Amino acid sequence: WSEAEQLVARLKIDLSDHPRAVEFDAMYLQSQEGQQDWNGAATTLLKMADAADDPVLAAAQTWQAITYYRQAQQVSQAIIGYQLYIARFPKPVVQWLEALDELSELLTQTNRLAERDQALQEIISANAGLKDEATPLTQFLAAKASVVVADALYRDYQLVPLEQPLVDSFKRKQVAMSRAVNAYQQLQRLGVAAYQGQAN
């Protein structure tokens, strides 16, 4: 495979403006997959997705690129891939929400919690916007996001100290408690059995 890969790489450079350049990308991708060069294959797929006229094909190529980045343990590149997918392919909404969910998990792993919380809020808001079109899966993803948000707000409440002047600190504690309670109530309203214990 290495000789074939080198040949295709040369062809890609020499014929980058050729009408059939996409075919050379596909050949190059095949050789990278054969060598289990998942990082390189992911990069090639993103290039192919960027050039694709068919949005369905482009979405599939982008998703596969993310899968390969994860196989290569390239977490930062996988995060960028998810962000690209979320920005470019809001439909179908279920897979868009799945991308946000998986992105939030990687952002948690890398301690990018502010970005994680933004992704979680997008899941919650998007599912709420579906109204009667929400599905069990979108409800589940929203509940999964909601419990993380609610638990974080509860931890914030616990960290608010009671100190002098007590009136002011008690008010801050009440506000923090109200936010946590509202988040748990929102979780309960979703009615997802797997998370009802945490909502009570």
C-alpha atoms as a PDB file:
ATOM      1  CA  TRP A   1       0.000   0.000   0.000  1.00  0.00           C
ATOM      2  CA  SER A   2       2.817   2.489   0.707  1.00  0.00           C
ATOM      3  CA  GLU A   3       3.941   2.645  -2.943  1.00  0.00           C
ATOM      4  CA  ALA A   4       0.365   3.042  -4.114  1.00  0.00           C
ATOM      5  CA  GLU A   5      -0.193   5.759  -1.548  1.00  0.00           C
ATOM      6  CA  GLN A   6       2.892   7.652  -2.697  1.00  0.00           C
ATOM      7  CA  LEU A   7       1.764   7.366  -6.328  1.00  0.00           C
ATOM      8  CA  VAL A   8      -1.715   8.650  -5.570  1.00  0.00           C
ATOM      9  CA  ALA A   9      -0.270  11.465  -3.460  1.00  0.00           C
ATOM     10  CA  ARG A  10       1.880  12.564  -6.432  1.00  0.00           C
ATOM     11  CA  LEU A  11      -1.111  12.355  -8.743  1.00  0.00           C
ATOM     12  CA  LYS A  12      -3.141  14.502  -6.330  1.00  0.00           C
ATOM     13  CA  ILE A  13      -0.480  17.198  -6.452  1.00  0.00           C
ATOM     14  CA  ASP A  14       0.000  17.027 -10.222  1.00  0.00           C
ATOM     15  CA  LEU A  15      -3.719  16.837 -11.042  1.00  0.00           C
ATOM     16  CA  SER A  16      -5.281  18.882  -8.258  1.00  0.00           C
ATOM     17  CA  ASP A  17      -7.193  21.020 -10.801  1.00  0.00           C
ATOM     18  CA  HIS A  18      -8.209  18.082 -12.962  1.00  0.00           C
ATOM     19  CA  PRO A  19     -11.992  17.498 -13.384  1.00  0.00           C
ATOM     20  CA  ARG A  20     -11.528  13.992 -11.996  1.00  0.00           C
ATOM     21  CA  ALA A  21      -9.560  15.140  -8.931  1.00  0.00           C
ATOM     22  CA  VAL A  22     -12.348  13.799  -6.712  1.00  0.00           C
ATOM     23  CA  GLU A  23     -11.579  10.299  -7.967  1.00  0.00           C
ATOM     24  CA  PHE A  24      -7.966  10.725  -6.925  1.00  0.00           C
ATOM     25  CA  ASP A  25      -9.132  11.819  -3.466  1.00  0.00           C
ATOM     26  CA  ALA A  26     -11.180   8.623  -3.254  1.00  0.00           C
ATOM     27  CA  MET A  27      -8.152   6.538  -4.289  1.00  0.00           C
ATOM     28  CA  TYR A  28      -5.979   8.331  -1.759  1.00  0.00           C
ATOM     29  CA  LEU A  29      -8.600   7.752   0.941  1.00  0.00           C
ATOM     30  CA  GLN A  30      -8.685   4.054   0.099  1.00  0.00           C
ATOM     31  CA  SER A  31      -4.933   3.769   0.479  1.00  0.00           C
ATOM     32  CA  GLN A  32      -5.006   5.634   3.816  1.00  0.00           C
ATOM     33  CA  GLU A  33      -7.753   3.348   5.096  1.00  0.00           C
ATOM     34  CA  GLY A  34      -5.758   0.330   3.948  1.00  0.00           C
ATOM     35  CA  GLN A  35      -2.801   1.524   6.022  1.00  0.00           C
ATOM     36  CA  GLN A  36      -5.100   2.419   8.940  1.00  0.00           C
ATOM     37  CA  ASP A  37      -3.911   6.006   8.713  1.00  0.00           C
ATOM     38  CA  TRP A  38      -7.085   7.236  10.388  1.00  0.00           C
ATOM     39  CA  ASN A  39      -5.834  10.763  10.943  1.00  0.00           C
ATOM     40  CA  GLY A  40      -4.895  11.158   7.290  1.00  0.00           C
ATOM     41  CA  ALA A  41      -8.112   9.506   6.119  1.00  0.00           C
ATOM     42  CA  ALA A  42     -10.149  11.897   8.258  1.00  0.00           C
ATOM     43  CA  THR A  43      -8.384  14.898   6.749  1.00  0.00           C
ATOM     44  CA  THR A  44      -9.008  13.581   3.221  1.00  0.00           C
ATOM     45  CA  LEU A  45     -12.685  12.987   4.017  1.00  0.00           C
ATOM     46  CA  LEU A  46     -13.103  16.549   5.260  1.00  0.00           C
ATOM     47  CA  LYS A  47     -11.551  17.808   2.022  1.00  0.00           C
ATOM     48  CA  MET A  48     -13.956  15.629   0.021  1.00  0.00           C
ATOM     49  CA  ALA A  49     -16.900  16.843   2.108  1.00  0.00           C
ATOM     50  CA  ASP A  50     -15.926  20.454   1.475  1.00  0.00           C
ATOM     51  CA  ALA A  51     -15.926  19.809  -2.285  1.00  0.00           C
ATOM     52  CA  ALA A  52     -19.095  17.698  -2.374  1.00  0.00           C
ATOM     53  CA  ASP A  53     -22.168  19.148  -4.084  1.00  0.00           C
ATOM     54  CA  ASP A  54     -24.506  16.727  -2.329  1.00  0.00           C
ATOM     55  CA  PRO A  55     -25.137  17.852   1.289  1.00  0.00           C
ATOM     56  CA  VAL A  56     -26.155  14.335   2.335  1.00  0.00           C
ATOM     57  CA  LEU A  57     -22.850  12.959   1.052  1.00  0.00           C
ATOM     58  CA  ALA A  58     -20.922  15.823   2.636  1.00  0.00           C
ATOM     59  CA  ALA A  59     -22.596  15.189   5.995  1.00  0.00           C
ATOM     60  CA  ALA A  60     -21.795  11.467   5.823  1.00  0.00           C
ATOM     61  CA  GLN A  61     -18.166  12.163   4.919  1.00  0.00           C
ATOM     62  CA  THR A  62     -17.815  14.657   7.764  1.00  0.00           C
ATOM     63  CA  TRP A  63     -19.307  12.188  10.245  1.00  0.00           C
ATOM     64  CA  GLN A  64     -16.944   9.447   9.040  1.00  0.00           C
ATOM     65  CA  ALA A  65     -14.024  11.852   9.363  1.00  0.00           C
ATOM     66  CA  ILE A  66     -14.960  12.447  13.006  1.00  0.00           C
ATOM     67  CA  THR A  67     -15.118   8.685  13.552  1.00  0.00           C
ATOM     68  CA  TYR A  68     -11.615   8.319  12.129  1.00  0.00           C
ATOM     69  CA  TYR A  69     -10.238  11.168  14.257  1.00  0.00           C
ATOM     70  CA  ARG A  70     -11.631   9.400  17.306  1.00  0.00           C
ATOM     71  CA  GLN A  71     -10.059   6.114  16.201  1.00  0.00           C
ATOM     72  CA  ALA A  72      -6.754   7.974  15.887  1.00  0.00           C
ATOM     73  CA  GLN A  73      -7.328   9.430  19.391  1.00  0.00           C
ATOM     74  CA  GLN A  74      -7.106  12.924  17.936  1.00  0.00           C
ATOM     75  CA  VAL A  75      -9.543  14.475  20.402  1.00  0.00           C
ATOM     76  CA  SER A  76      -8.917  18.103  19.449  1.00  0.00           C
ATOM     77  CA  GLN A  77      -9.456  17.291  15.764  1.00  0.00           C
ATOM     78  CA  ALA A  78     -12.615  15.326  16.586  1.00  0.00           C
ATOM     79  CA  ILE A  79     -13.933  18.354  18.490  1.00  0.00           C
ATOM     80  CA  ILE A  80     -13.288  20.557  15.450  1.00  0.00           C
ATOM     81  CA  GLY A  81     -15.013  17.951  13.280  1.00  0.00           C
ATOM     82  CA  TYR A  82     -18.113  17.974  15.475  1.00  0.00           C
ATOM     83  CA  GLN A  83     -18.156  21.773  15.495  1.00  0.00           C
ATOM     84  CA  LEU A  84     -17.927  21.763  11.700  1.00  0.00           C
ATOM     85  CA  TYR A  85     -20.744  19.212  11.425  1.00  0.00           C
ATOM     86  CA  ILE A  86     -22.974  21.187  13.802  1.00  0.00           C
ATOM     87  CA  ALA A  87     -22.377  24.415  11.876  1.00  0.00           C
ATOM     88  CA  ARG A  88     -22.958  22.901   8.415  1.00  0.00           C
ATOM     89  CA  PHE A  89     -25.601  20.214   8.870  1.00  0.00           C
ATOM     90  CA  PRO A  90     -28.505  21.182  11.170  1.00  0.00           C
ATOM     91  CA  LYS A  91     -30.693  18.588   9.444  1.00  0.00           C
ATOM     92  CA  PRO A  92     -31.586  15.858  10.195  1.00  0.00           C
ATOM     93  CA  VAL A  93     -32.059  17.243  13.680  1.00  0.00           C
ATOM     94  CA  VAL A  94     -31.602  13.900  15.466  1.00  0.00           C
ATOM     95  CA  GLN A  95     -28.064  13.423  14.164  1.00  0.00           C
ATOM     96  CA  TRP A  96     -27.347  17.115  14.788  1.00  0.00           C
ATOM     97  CA  LEU A  97     -28.345  16.605  18.429  1.00  0.00           C
ATOM     98  CA  GLU A  98     -26.240  13.449  18.601  1.00  0.00           C
ATOM     99  CA  ALA A  99     -23.272  15.470  17.349  1.00  0.00           C
ATOM    100  CA  LEU A 100     -23.854  18.045  20.098  1.00  0.00           C
ATOM    101  CA  ASP A 101     -24.135  15.271  22.677  1.00  0.00           C
ATOM    102  CA  GLU A 102     -20.889  13.604  21.597  1.00  0.00           C
ATOM    103  CA  LEU A 103     -19.173  17.006  21.382  1.00  0.00           C
ATOM    104  CA  SER A 104     -20.239  17.788  24.953  1.00  0.00           C
ATOM    105  CA  GLU A 105     -18.627  14.547  26.157  1.00  0.00           C
ATOM    106  CA  LEU A 106     -15.297  15.402  24.496  1.00  0.00           C
ATOM    107  CA  LEU A 107     -15.433  18.935  25.874  1.00  0.00           C
ATOM    108  CA  THR A 108     -15.958  17.464  29.348  1.00  0.00           C
ATOM    109  CA  GLN A 109     -12.939  15.178  28.847  1.00  0.00           C
ATOM    110  CA  THR A 110     -10.787  18.153  27.892  1.00  0.00           C
ATOM    111  CA  ASN A 111     -12.138  20.362  30.704  1.00  0.00           C
ATOM    112  CA  ARG A 112     -13.637  22.902  28.294  1.00  0.00           C
ATOM    113  CA  LEU A 113     -16.664  23.255  30.524  1.00  0.00           C
ATOM    114  CA  ALA A 114     -17.979  26.620  29.341  1.00  0.00           C
ATOM    115  CA  GLU A 115     -18.144  25.295  25.767  1.00  0.00           C
ATOM    116  CA  ARG A 116     -19.629  22.049  27.101  1.00  0.00           C
ATOM    117  CA  ASP A 117     -22.392  23.945  28.878  1.00  0.00           C
ATOM    118  CA  GLN A 118     -23.175  25.895  25.703  1.00  0.00           C
ATOM    119  CA  ALA A 119     -23.525  22.635  23.751  1.00  0.00           C
ATOM    120  CA  LEU A 120     -25.803  21.197  26.445  1.00  0.00           C
ATOM    121  CA  GLN A 121     -28.023  24.279  26.377  1.00  0.00           C
ATOM    122  CA  GLU A 122     -28.280  23.979  22.589  1.00  0.00           C
ATOM    123  CA  ILE A 123     -29.518  20.391  22.984  1.00  0.00           C
ATOM    124  CA  ILE A 124     -32.109  21.421  25.564  1.00  0.00           C
ATOM    125  CA  SER A 125     -33.321  24.408  23.532  1.00  0.00           C
ATOM    126  CA  ALA A 126     -33.448  22.502  20.240  1.00  0.00           C
ATOM    127  CA  ASN A 127     -35.517  19.695  21.738  1.00  0.00           C
ATOM    128  CA  ALA A 128     -37.898  22.206  23.324  1.00  0.00           C
ATOM    129  CA  GLY A 129     -38.268  23.886  19.931  1.00  0.00           C
ATOM    130  CA  LEU A 130     -39.392  20.621  18.369  1.00  0.00           C
ATOM    131  CA  LYS A 131     -42.529  20.609  20.566  1.00  0.00           C
ATOM    132  CA  ASP A 132     -44.852  17.866  19.243  1.00  0.00           C
ATOM    133  CA  GLU A 133     -42.168  16.692  16.803  1.00  0.00           C
ATOM    134  CA  ALA A 134     -39.811  15.700  19.623  1.00  0.00           C
ATOM    135  CA  THR A 135     -38.955  12.001  19.582  1.00  0.00           C
ATOM    136  CA  PRO A 136     -37.973   9.633  22.408  1.00  0.00           C
ATOM    137  CA  LEU A 137     -34.346  10.017  21.319  1.00  0.00           C
ATOM    138  CA  THR A 138     -34.383  13.830  21.283  1.00  0.00           C
ATOM    139  CA  GLN A 139     -36.130  13.783  24.670  1.00  0.00           C
ATOM    140  CA  PHE A 140     -33.487  11.399  26.006  1.00  0.00           C
ATOM    141  CA  LEU A 141     -30.634  13.593  24.747  1.00  0.00           C
ATOM    142  CA  ALA A 142     -32.289  16.670  26.261  1.00  0.00           C
ATOM    143  CA  ALA A 143     -32.726  14.860  29.586  1.00  0.00           C
ATOM    144  CA  LYS A 144     -29.099  13.713  29.507  1.00  0.00           C
ATOM    145  CA  ALA A 145     -28.015  17.311  28.937  1.00  0.00           C
ATOM    146  CA  SER A 146     -30.444  18.663  31.542  1.00  0.00           C
ATOM    147  CA  VAL A 147     -29.161  16.452  34.339  1.00  0.00           C
ATOM    148  CA  VAL A 148     -25.593  17.667  33.775  1.00  0.00           C
ATOM    149  CA  VAL A 149     -26.772  21.286  33.839  1.00  0.00           C
ATOM    150  CA  ALA A 150     -28.978  20.749  36.911  1.00  0.00           C
ATOM    151  CA  ASP A 151     -26.264  18.931  38.849  1.00  0.00           C
ATOM    152  CA  ALA A 152     -23.793  21.719  38.073  1.00  0.00           C
ATOM    153  CA  LEU A 153     -26.270  24.335  39.313  1.00  0.00           C
ATOM    154  CA  TYR A 154     -26.840  22.336  42.485  1.00  0.00           C
ATOM    155  CA  ARG A 155     -23.089  22.210  43.099  1.00  0.00           C
ATOM    156  CA  ASP A 156     -22.993  25.986  42.600  1.00  0.00           C
ATOM    157  CA  TYR A 157     -25.700  26.339  45.245  1.00  0.00           C
ATOM    158  CA  GLN A 158     -23.721  24.199  47.681  1.00  0.00           C
ATOM    159  CA  LEU A 159     -20.636  26.355  47.170  1.00  0.00           C
ATOM    160  CA  VAL A 160     -22.365  29.630  48.043  1.00  0.00           C
ATOM    161  CA  PRO A 161     -21.146  30.401  51.588  1.00  0.00           C
ATOM    162  CA  LEU A 162     -23.298  31.719  54.402  1.00  0.00           C
ATOM    163  CA  GLU A 163     -21.333  34.641  55.753  1.00  0.00           C
ATOM    164  CA  GLN A 164     -21.805  38.102  57.119  1.00  0.00           C
ATOM    165  CA  PRO A 165     -23.888  39.986  56.274  1.00  0.00           C
ATOM    166  CA  LEU A 166     -26.200  36.964  56.443  1.00  0.00           C
ATOM    167  CA  VAL A 167     -29.070  38.689  54.628  1.00  0.00           C
ATOM    168  CA  ASP A 168     -26.997  39.202  51.478  1.00  0.00           C
ATOM    169  CA  SER A 169     -25.414  35.749  51.465  1.00  0.00           C
ATOM    170  CA  PHE A 170     -28.777  34.118  52.156  1.00  0.00           C
ATOM    171  CA  LYS A 171     -30.228  35.919  49.115  1.00  0.00           C
ATOM    172  CA  ARG A 172     -27.384  34.633  46.942  1.00  0.00           C
ATOM    173  CA  LYS A 173     -27.995  31.138  48.258  1.00  0.00           C
ATOM    174  CA  GLN A 174     -31.720  31.418  47.518  1.00  0.00           C
ATOM    175  CA  VAL A 175     -31.048  32.537  43.941  1.00  0.00           C
ATOM    176  CA  ALA A 176     -28.640  29.643  43.396  1.00  0.00           C
ATOM    177  CA  MET A 177     -31.141  27.171  44.872  1.00  0.00           C
ATOM    178  CA  SER A 178     -33.934  28.544  42.670  1.00  0.00           C
ATOM    179  CA  ARG A 179     -31.819  28.005  39.550  1.00  0.00           C
ATOM    180  CA  ALA A 180     -31.053  24.431  40.535  1.00  0.00           C
ATOM    181  CA  VAL A 181     -34.681  23.647  41.375  1.00  0.00           C
ATOM    182  CA  ASN A 182     -35.874  25.092  38.056  1.00  0.00           C
ATOM    183  CA  ALA A 183     -33.353  22.951  36.190  1.00  0.00           C
ATOM    184  CA  TYR A 184     -34.478  19.776  37.981  1.00  0.00           C
ATOM    185  CA  GLN A 185     -38.126  20.662  37.306  1.00  0.00           C
ATOM    186  CA  GLN A 186     -37.305  21.075  33.624  1.00  0.00           C
ATOM    187  CA  LEU A 187     -35.665  17.650  33.687  1.00  0.00           C
ATOM    188  CA  GLN A 188     -38.739  16.145  35.341  1.00  0.00           C
ATOM    189  CA  ARG A 189     -41.056  17.627  32.710  1.00  0.00           C
ATOM    190  CA  LEU A 190     -39.164  15.769  29.984  1.00  0.00           C
ATOM    191  CA  GLY A 191     -40.513  12.547  31.472  1.00  0.00           C
ATOM    192  CA  VAL A 192     -37.524  10.371  30.569  1.00  0.00           C
ATOM    193  CA  ALA A 193     -37.642   7.368  32.885  1.00  0.00           C
ATOM    194  CA  ALA A 194     -33.883   6.886  33.009  1.00  0.00           C
ATOM    195  CA  TYR A 195     -33.455  10.324  34.599  1.00  0.00           C
ATOM    196  CA  GLN A 196     -36.559  10.632  36.777  1.00  0.00           C
ATOM    197  CA  GLY A 197     -34.664   9.579  39.905  1.00  0.00           C
ATOM    198  CA  GLN A 198     -32.258  12.474  39.489  1.00  0.00           C
ATOM    199  CA  ALA A 199     -35.115  14.888  38.820  1.00  0.00           C
ATOM    200  CA  ASN A 200     -36.784  14.223  42.196  1.00  0.00           C
END
